[in-house]
Amino acid sequence: MLVIMTPKPGEMDQLIDFAKDGAKHHLEVPACTKWLFSRQINSPDGEESLILIQEWTSVEELMAHSKVDYSVTMRDQIRESTTKFEFKMSKVFAGFDSKN
């Protein structure tokens, strides 16, 4: 899953704190196999964004976790701090995960 968040003015640090908290939380969630945040600085429209890439063992696990209190509360807090909050589901069709 890909999530793109564009912060309201002055809210980038808050979103970064949410990202760090989410990483700690999801480290303990076995069905979440990847949780990566990056900061997009040089976007065409000049807005800074945060991009979250998550991988889950199944869509069912992702959907189940999206309903737990932590996830609901975090989504509400993120919505208050953003002008854009987009979710995109993707399916990998080429590439590699590790060279090892």
N, C-alpha and C. Protein backbone atom coordinates (compact mmCIF):
# COMPACT_ATOMS: atom_id res chain seq x y z
N MET A 1 0.85 -1.17 0.00
CA MET A 1 0.00 0.00 0.00
C MET A 1 0.89 1.23 0.00
N LEU A 2 0.46 2.23 -0.69
CA LEU A 2 1.16 3.50 -0.78
C LEU A 2 0.24 4.57 -0.22
N VAL A 3 0.78 5.42 0.66
CA VAL A 3 0.02 6.52 1.23
C VAL A 3 0.80 7.80 0.99
N ILE A 4 0.15 8.82 0.45
CA ILE A 4 0.78 10.11 0.20
C ILE A 4 0.09 11.15 1.05
N MET A 5 0.89 11.88 1.84
CA MET A 5 0.35 12.89 2.75
C MET A 5 1.03 14.23 2.49
N THR A 6 0.24 15.26 2.29
CA THR A 6 0.76 16.61 2.14
C THR A 6 0.34 17.40 3.38
N PRO A 7 1.31 17.87 4.15
CA PRO A 7 0.96 18.55 5.40
C PRO A 7 0.41 19.95 5.20
N LYS A 8 -0.42 20.36 6.14
CA LYS A 8 -0.80 21.76 6.21
C LYS A 8 0.45 22.55 6.59
N PRO A 9 0.48 23.86 6.32
CA PRO A 9 1.65 24.66 6.69
C PRO A 9 1.99 24.48 8.17
N GLY A 10 3.27 24.22 8.43
CA GLY A 10 3.75 24.08 9.81
C GLY A 10 3.50 22.72 10.44
N GLU A 11 2.94 21.77 9.71
CA GLU A 11 2.59 20.47 10.28
C GLU A 11 3.54 19.33 9.89
N MET A 12 4.61 19.62 9.11
CA MET A 12 5.51 18.55 8.68
C MET A 12 6.14 17.82 9.87
N ASP A 13 6.61 18.55 10.87
CA ASP A 13 7.23 17.91 12.04
C ASP A 13 6.24 16.99 12.75
N GLN A 14 4.98 17.40 12.82
CA GLN A 14 3.96 16.56 13.46
C GLN A 14 3.77 15.27 12.67
N LEU A 15 3.73 15.38 11.34
CA LEU A 15 3.58 14.17 10.52
C LEU A 15 4.79 13.25 10.65
N ILE A 16 5.98 13.82 10.75
CA ILE A 16 7.18 13.01 10.95
C ILE A 16 7.10 12.28 12.29
N ASP A 17 6.61 12.95 13.31
CA ASP A 17 6.42 12.28 14.61
C ASP A 17 5.40 11.15 14.51
N PHE A 18 4.32 11.36 13.77
CA PHE A 18 3.34 10.29 13.55
C PHE A 18 4.00 9.10 12.84
N ALA A 19 4.84 9.40 11.85
CA ALA A 19 5.53 8.35 11.10
C ALA A 19 6.42 7.52 12.01
N LYS A 20 7.16 8.18 12.88
CA LYS A 20 8.05 7.47 13.82
C LYS A 20 7.24 6.62 14.79
N ASP A 21 6.14 7.16 15.28
CA ASP A 21 5.28 6.41 16.19
C ASP A 21 4.68 5.19 15.47
N GLY A 22 4.25 5.40 14.25
CA GLY A 22 3.69 4.30 13.46
C GLY A 22 4.70 3.20 13.21
N ALA A 23 5.96 3.59 12.95
CA ALA A 23 7.00 2.59 12.73
C ALA A 23 7.20 1.73 13.98
N LYS A 24 7.22 2.36 15.15
CA LYS A 24 7.36 1.60 16.40
C LYS A 24 6.18 0.67 16.60
N HIS A 25 4.98 1.17 16.36
CA HIS A 25 3.78 0.36 16.53
C HIS A 25 3.78 -0.84 15.58
N HIS A 26 4.05 -0.60 14.31
CA HIS A 26 3.95 -1.66 13.30
C HIS A 26 5.11 -2.65 13.36
N LEU A 27 6.18 -2.30 14.03
CA LEU A 27 7.27 -3.26 14.24
C LEU A 27 6.77 -4.48 15.01
N GLU A 28 5.77 -4.27 15.85
CA GLU A 28 5.21 -5.34 16.67
C GLU A 28 3.99 -6.02 16.03
N VAL A 29 3.67 -5.64 14.79
CA VAL A 29 2.52 -6.23 14.09
C VAL A 29 3.08 -7.23 13.06
N PRO A 30 3.00 -8.54 13.34
CA PRO A 30 3.62 -9.54 12.47
C PRO A 30 3.15 -9.48 11.01
N ALA A 31 1.91 -9.13 10.77
CA ALA A 31 1.38 -9.10 9.40
C ALA A 31 1.91 -7.94 8.57
N CYS A 32 2.48 -6.93 9.22
CA CYS A 32 3.08 -5.79 8.52
C CYS A 32 4.56 -6.11 8.30
N THR A 33 4.95 -6.37 7.05
CA THR A 33 6.32 -6.80 6.77
C THR A 33 7.23 -5.66 6.32
N LYS A 34 6.66 -4.51 5.99
CA LYS A 34 7.47 -3.36 5.61
C LYS A 34 6.72 -2.09 5.96
N TRP A 35 7.46 -1.10 6.51
CA TRP A 35 6.88 0.20 6.88
C TRP A 35 7.97 1.23 6.62
N LEU A 36 7.92 1.90 5.49
CA LEU A 36 8.95 2.86 5.09
C LEU A 36 8.33 4.22 4.80
N PHE A 37 8.88 5.25 5.43
CA PHE A 37 8.45 6.62 5.16
C PHE A 37 9.57 7.35 4.45
N SER A 38 9.23 8.16 3.47
CA SER A 38 10.21 9.03 2.84
C SER A 38 9.58 10.41 2.69
N ARG A 39 10.45 11.37 2.52
CA ARG A 39 10.01 12.76 2.41
C ARG A 39 10.27 13.23 0.98
N GLN A 40 9.22 13.60 0.28
CA GLN A 40 9.34 14.10 -1.08
C GLN A 40 9.48 15.62 -0.99
N ILE A 41 10.64 16.11 -1.41
CA ILE A 41 10.91 17.54 -1.27
C ILE A 41 10.77 18.27 -2.60
N ASN A 42 11.27 17.70 -3.65
CA ASN A 42 11.29 18.37 -4.95
C ASN A 42 10.13 17.94 -5.83
N SER A 43 8.94 18.14 -5.34
CA SER A 43 7.76 17.77 -6.13
C SER A 43 7.47 18.86 -7.16
N PRO A 44 6.84 18.49 -8.27
CA PRO A 44 6.57 19.47 -9.34
C PRO A 44 5.75 20.68 -8.89
N ASP A 45 4.84 20.48 -7.95
CA ASP A 45 3.99 21.60 -7.52
C ASP A 45 4.58 22.39 -6.36
N GLY A 46 5.78 22.01 -5.90
CA GLY A 46 6.45 22.74 -4.84
C GLY A 46 6.02 22.37 -3.44
N GLU A 47 5.07 21.46 -3.30
CA GLU A 47 4.63 21.03 -1.98
C GLU A 47 5.51 19.90 -1.47
N GLU A 48 5.77 19.90 -0.17
CA GLU A 48 6.45 18.77 0.45
C GLU A 48 5.41 17.72 0.79
N SER A 49 5.80 16.47 0.64
CA SER A 49 4.89 15.38 0.98
C SER A 49 5.66 14.29 1.72
N LEU A 50 4.93 13.50 2.45
CA LEU A 50 5.48 12.27 3.03
C LEU A 50 4.86 11.12 2.26
N ILE A 51 5.67 10.12 1.99
CA ILE A 51 5.21 8.93 1.28
C ILE A 51 5.47 7.73 2.18
N LEU A 52 4.43 6.96 2.43
CA LEU A 52 4.51 5.75 3.23
C LEU A 52 4.31 4.54 2.32
N ILE A 53 5.23 3.59 2.43
CA ILE A 53 5.08 2.32 1.73
C ILE A 53 4.94 1.24 2.79
N GLN A 54 3.85 0.51 2.70
CA GLN A 54 3.59 -0.60 3.63
C GLN A 54 3.44 -1.88 2.83
N GLU A 55 3.93 -2.98 3.40
CA GLU A 55 3.64 -4.30 2.85
C GLU A 55 3.03 -5.14 3.95
N TRP A 56 2.03 -5.90 3.58
CA TRP A 56 1.31 -6.76 4.52
C TRP A 56 1.27 -8.18 3.98
N THR A 57 1.12 -9.15 4.87
CA THR A 57 1.05 -10.54 4.44
C THR A 57 -0.20 -10.81 3.62
N SER A 58 -1.24 -10.02 3.82
CA SER A 58 -2.46 -10.16 3.02
C SER A 58 -3.30 -8.89 3.13
N VAL A 59 -4.15 -8.69 2.17
CA VAL A 59 -5.08 -7.56 2.20
C VAL A 59 -6.02 -7.70 3.39
N GLU A 60 -6.40 -8.94 3.71
CA GLU A 60 -7.29 -9.17 4.85
C GLU A 60 -6.66 -8.71 6.16
N GLU A 61 -5.37 -8.98 6.33
CA GLU A 61 -4.66 -8.53 7.55
C GLU A 61 -4.60 -7.01 7.60
N LEU A 62 -4.32 -6.39 6.47
CA LEU A 62 -4.29 -4.92 6.39
C LEU A 62 -5.65 -4.34 6.76
N MET A 63 -6.71 -4.89 6.19
CA MET A 63 -8.05 -4.37 6.46
C MET A 63 -8.44 -4.58 7.93
N ALA A 64 -8.08 -5.72 8.50
CA ALA A 64 -8.38 -5.98 9.91
C ALA A 64 -7.65 -4.98 10.80
N HIS A 65 -6.37 -4.73 10.49
CA HIS A 65 -5.60 -3.80 11.32
C HIS A 65 -6.09 -2.36 11.16
N SER A 66 -6.65 -2.03 10.00
CA SER A 66 -7.13 -0.67 9.78
C SER A 66 -8.31 -0.32 10.68
N LYS A 67 -8.91 -1.33 11.32
CA LYS A 67 -10.07 -1.11 12.18
C LYS A 67 -9.73 -1.06 13.67
N VAL A 68 -8.47 -1.34 14.04
CA VAL A 68 -8.11 -1.30 15.46
C VAL A 68 -8.04 0.16 15.92
N ASP A 69 -8.23 0.38 17.21
CA ASP A 69 -8.28 1.74 17.76
C ASP A 69 -7.06 2.58 17.38
N TYR A 70 -5.86 1.99 17.45
CA TYR A 70 -4.65 2.74 17.12
C TYR A 70 -4.74 3.30 15.70
N SER A 71 -5.13 2.48 14.75
CA SER A 71 -5.19 2.90 13.35
C SER A 71 -6.24 3.98 13.12
N VAL A 72 -7.40 3.82 13.72
CA VAL A 72 -8.48 4.80 13.57
C VAL A 72 -8.05 6.15 14.14
N THR A 73 -7.47 6.14 15.33
CA THR A 73 -7.01 7.37 15.98
C THR A 73 -5.92 8.04 15.17
N MET A 74 -4.95 7.24 14.69
CA MET A 74 -3.84 7.80 13.91
C MET A 74 -4.35 8.43 12.61
N ARG A 75 -5.26 7.77 11.92
CA ARG A 75 -5.83 8.34 10.69
C ARG A 75 -6.51 9.68 10.97
N ASP A 76 -7.27 9.76 12.05
CA ASP A 76 -7.94 11.01 12.40
C ASP A 76 -6.93 12.12 12.67
N GLN A 77 -5.86 11.80 13.39
CA GLN A 77 -4.83 12.80 13.69
C GLN A 77 -4.12 13.25 12.42
N ILE A 78 -3.84 12.30 11.53
CA ILE A 78 -3.17 12.65 10.28
C ILE A 78 -4.07 13.54 9.43
N ARG A 79 -5.34 13.22 9.35
CA ARG A 79 -6.28 14.05 8.56
C ARG A 79 -6.31 15.49 9.05
N GLU A 80 -6.19 15.69 10.36
CA GLU A 80 -6.19 17.04 10.93
C GLU A 80 -4.94 17.83 10.54
N SER A 81 -3.85 17.13 10.20
CA SER A 81 -2.57 17.77 9.91
C SER A 81 -2.24 17.85 8.42
N THR A 82 -3.15 17.37 7.56
CA THR A 82 -2.83 17.31 6.13
C THR A 82 -3.85 18.04 5.26
N THR A 83 -3.38 18.41 4.06
CA THR A 83 -4.28 18.93 3.04
C THR A 83 -4.63 17.82 2.05
N LYS A 84 -3.74 16.83 1.90
CA LYS A 84 -3.98 15.66 1.05
C LYS A 84 -3.60 14.42 1.85
N PHE A 85 -4.43 13.39 1.74
CA PHE A 85 -4.19 12.12 2.44
C PHE A 85 -4.74 11.04 1.52
N GLU A 86 -3.89 10.50 0.65
CA GLU A 86 -4.32 9.56 -0.38
C GLU A 86 -3.80 8.15 -0.12
N PHE A 87 -4.65 7.16 -0.29
CA PHE A 87 -4.28 5.75 -0.19
C PHE A 87 -4.29 5.16 -1.59
N LYS A 88 -3.25 4.39 -1.91
CA LYS A 88 -3.20 3.72 -3.21
C LYS A 88 -2.75 2.28 -2.97
N MET A 89 -3.50 1.36 -3.53
CA MET A 89 -3.11 -0.05 -3.46
C MET A 89 -2.33 -0.37 -4.72
N SER A 90 -1.25 -1.10 -4.57
CA SER A 90 -0.45 -1.47 -5.73
C SER A 90 -0.15 -2.96 -5.69
N LYS A 91 0.20 -3.47 -6.83
CA LYS A 91 0.59 -4.87 -6.92
C LYS A 91 1.89 -4.92 -7.70
N VAL A 92 2.93 -5.43 -7.07
CA VAL A 92 4.24 -5.51 -7.70
C VAL A 92 4.17 -6.54 -8.83
N PHE A 93 4.71 -6.18 -9.98
CA PHE A 93 4.73 -7.12 -11.10
C PHE A 93 6.13 -7.38 -11.63
N ALA A 94 7.13 -6.59 -11.17
CA ALA A 94 8.51 -6.81 -11.58
C ALA A 94 9.44 -6.20 -10.55
N GLY A 95 10.65 -6.68 -10.47
CA GLY A 95 11.64 -6.13 -9.56
C GLY A 95 12.15 -7.17 -8.60
N PHE A 96 12.80 -6.71 -7.53
CA PHE A 96 13.30 -7.63 -6.52
C PHE A 96 13.24 -6.96 -5.16
N ASP A 97 13.24 -7.78 -4.12
CA ASP A 97 13.15 -7.28 -2.75
C ASP A 97 14.52 -7.24 -2.09
N SER A 98 15.38 -8.19 -2.40
CA SER A 98 16.69 -8.27 -1.78
C SER A 98 17.64 -8.98 -2.74
N LYS A 99 18.88 -8.56 -2.73
CA LYS A 99 19.88 -9.22 -3.58
C LYS A 99 20.54 -10.38 -2.85
N ASN A 100 20.23 -10.56 -1.57
CA ASN A 100 20.85 -11.64 -0.79
C ASN A 100 20.20 -12.97 -1.04
